[in-house]
């Protein structure tokens, strides 16, 4: 995975960074928000893109 396209997904409740993903930054300008399973909270929560 190239570093330019790699993003971190952080849980909105506990701030646990559990996922890494890729994004085309030329096409998608906004920060990505995905509902995923948080391993720390042990429930499905909203995960937002961080720097």
N, C-alpha and C. Protein backbone atom coordinates (compact mmCIF):
# COMPACT_ATOMS: atom_id res chain seq x y z
N UNK A 1 0.84 -1.17 0.00
CA UNK A 1 0.00 0.00 0.00
C UNK A 1 0.89 1.24 0.00
N UNK A 2 0.63 2.15 -0.90
CA UNK A 2 1.45 3.36 -0.93
C UNK A 2 1.04 4.30 0.19
N UNK A 3 1.97 5.05 0.71
CA UNK A 3 1.71 5.95 1.83
C UNK A 3 0.81 7.12 1.42
N UNK A 4 0.82 7.49 0.16
CA UNK A 4 0.03 8.64 -0.29
C UNK A 4 -1.46 8.35 -0.24
N UNK A 5 -1.87 7.11 -0.46
CA UNK A 5 -3.28 6.76 -0.50
C UNK A 5 -3.77 6.11 0.78
N UNK A 6 -2.90 5.82 1.74
CA UNK A 6 -3.28 5.12 2.96
C UNK A 6 -3.90 6.08 3.97
N UNK A 7 -5.01 5.63 4.58
CA UNK A 7 -5.68 6.42 5.61
C UNK A 7 -5.90 5.55 6.84
N UNK A 8 -6.04 6.19 8.02
CA UNK A 8 -6.35 5.50 9.26
C UNK A 8 -7.80 5.76 9.61
N UNK A 9 -8.50 4.74 10.08
CA UNK A 9 -9.89 4.88 10.51
C UNK A 9 -9.94 4.74 12.02
N UNK A 10 -10.49 5.77 12.68
CA UNK A 10 -10.51 5.84 14.14
C UNK A 10 -11.95 5.79 14.64
N UNK A 11 -12.18 5.04 15.70
CA UNK A 11 -13.51 4.96 16.32
C UNK A 11 -13.87 6.32 16.91
N UNK A 12 -15.11 6.74 16.72
CA UNK A 12 -15.53 8.06 17.21
C UNK A 12 -15.73 8.06 18.72
N UNK A 13 -16.02 6.90 19.32
CA UNK A 13 -16.28 6.85 20.76
C UNK A 13 -15.00 6.69 21.58
N UNK A 14 -14.19 5.67 21.25
CA UNK A 14 -13.03 5.36 22.10
C UNK A 14 -11.70 5.79 21.49
N UNK A 15 -11.70 6.34 20.29
CA UNK A 15 -10.49 6.82 19.58
C UNK A 15 -9.49 5.72 19.30
N UNK A 16 -9.94 4.47 19.16
CA UNK A 16 -9.08 3.34 18.84
C UNK A 16 -8.90 3.27 17.33
N UNK A 17 -7.65 3.22 16.88
CA UNK A 17 -7.35 3.11 15.45
C UNK A 17 -7.20 1.63 15.13
N UNK A 18 -8.24 1.05 14.54
CA UNK A 18 -8.25 -0.38 14.30
C UNK A 18 -8.20 -0.76 12.84
N UNK A 19 -8.36 0.20 11.94
CA UNK A 19 -8.42 -0.11 10.52
C UNK A 19 -7.56 0.85 9.71
N UNK A 20 -6.97 0.33 8.64
CA UNK A 20 -6.25 1.11 7.64
C UNK A 20 -6.89 0.81 6.30
N UNK A 21 -7.02 1.82 5.46
CA UNK A 21 -7.66 1.65 4.17
C UNK A 21 -6.99 2.56 3.15
N UNK A 22 -7.46 2.46 1.90
CA UNK A 22 -6.95 3.31 0.83
C UNK A 22 -8.07 4.19 0.32
N UNK A 23 -7.69 5.35 -0.21
CA UNK A 23 -8.66 6.29 -0.74
C UNK A 23 -8.00 7.06 -1.88
N UNK A 24 -8.75 7.29 -2.96
CA UNK A 24 -8.28 8.13 -4.04
C UNK A 24 -8.56 9.58 -3.64
N UNK A 25 -7.53 10.31 -3.27
CA UNK A 25 -7.69 11.66 -2.73
C UNK A 25 -8.04 12.69 -3.79
N UNK A 26 -7.84 12.36 -5.06
CA UNK A 26 -8.23 13.27 -6.13
C UNK A 26 -9.74 13.24 -6.36
N UNK A 27 -10.35 12.09 -6.15
CA UNK A 27 -11.78 11.93 -6.39
C UNK A 27 -12.59 12.27 -5.14
N UNK A 28 -12.17 11.76 -3.98
CA UNK A 28 -12.89 11.97 -2.72
C UNK A 28 -12.13 13.00 -1.90
N UNK A 29 -12.67 14.21 -1.80
CA UNK A 29 -12.00 15.30 -1.08
C UNK A 29 -12.32 15.29 0.41
N UNK A 30 -13.55 14.85 0.77
CA UNK A 30 -13.99 14.88 2.16
C UNK A 30 -13.38 13.72 2.95
N UNK A 31 -13.48 13.83 4.27
CA UNK A 31 -13.01 12.74 5.13
C UNK A 31 -14.00 11.59 5.08
N UNK A 32 -13.46 10.40 5.06
CA UNK A 32 -14.27 9.19 4.94
C UNK A 32 -14.88 8.82 6.29
N UNK A 33 -16.15 8.40 6.29
CA UNK A 33 -16.84 7.94 7.49
C UNK A 33 -17.51 6.61 7.16
N UNK A 34 -17.13 5.55 7.89
CA UNK A 34 -17.66 4.22 7.65
C UNK A 34 -18.08 3.61 8.98
N UNK A 35 -19.19 2.89 8.97
CA UNK A 35 -19.63 2.18 10.17
C UNK A 35 -18.97 0.80 10.16
N UNK A 36 -18.09 0.55 11.13
CA UNK A 36 -17.34 -0.69 11.20
C UNK A 36 -17.35 -1.23 12.63
N UNK A 37 -16.90 -2.47 12.78
CA UNK A 37 -16.85 -3.11 14.09
C UNK A 37 -15.61 -2.62 14.84
N UNK A 38 -15.81 -2.08 16.04
CA UNK A 38 -14.70 -1.64 16.88
C UNK A 38 -14.29 -2.80 17.78
N UNK A 39 -13.02 -3.18 17.74
CA UNK A 39 -12.54 -4.31 18.51
C UNK A 39 -12.43 -3.99 19.99
N UNK A 40 -12.29 -2.72 20.33
CA UNK A 40 -12.18 -2.32 21.73
C UNK A 40 -13.56 -2.19 22.38
N UNK A 41 -14.52 -1.54 21.68
CA UNK A 41 -15.89 -1.38 22.19
C UNK A 41 -16.71 -2.66 22.02
N UNK A 42 -16.34 -3.49 21.05
CA UNK A 42 -17.00 -4.74 20.72
C UNK A 42 -18.43 -4.54 20.18
N UNK A 43 -18.65 -3.44 19.47
CA UNK A 43 -19.91 -3.17 18.78
C UNK A 43 -19.62 -2.42 17.48
N UNK A 44 -20.60 -2.32 16.60
CA UNK A 44 -20.44 -1.55 15.37
C UNK A 44 -20.59 -0.07 15.70
N UNK A 45 -19.58 0.72 15.34
CA UNK A 45 -19.57 2.18 15.60
C UNK A 45 -19.10 2.89 14.33
N UNK A 46 -19.30 4.19 14.30
CA UNK A 46 -18.85 5.02 13.20
C UNK A 46 -17.34 5.24 13.32
N UNK A 47 -16.62 5.02 12.24
CA UNK A 47 -15.18 5.24 12.19
C UNK A 47 -14.90 6.37 11.21
N UNK A 48 -14.08 7.33 11.61
CA UNK A 48 -13.76 8.48 10.77
C UNK A 48 -12.30 8.45 10.38
N UNK A 49 -12.01 9.04 9.25
CA UNK A 49 -10.63 9.14 8.76
C UNK A 49 -9.83 10.12 9.61
N UNK A 50 -8.60 9.74 9.96
CA UNK A 50 -7.69 10.62 10.69
C UNK A 50 -6.47 10.88 9.85
N UNK A 51 -5.61 11.77 10.33
CA UNK A 51 -4.37 12.07 9.60
C UNK A 51 -3.33 11.01 9.83
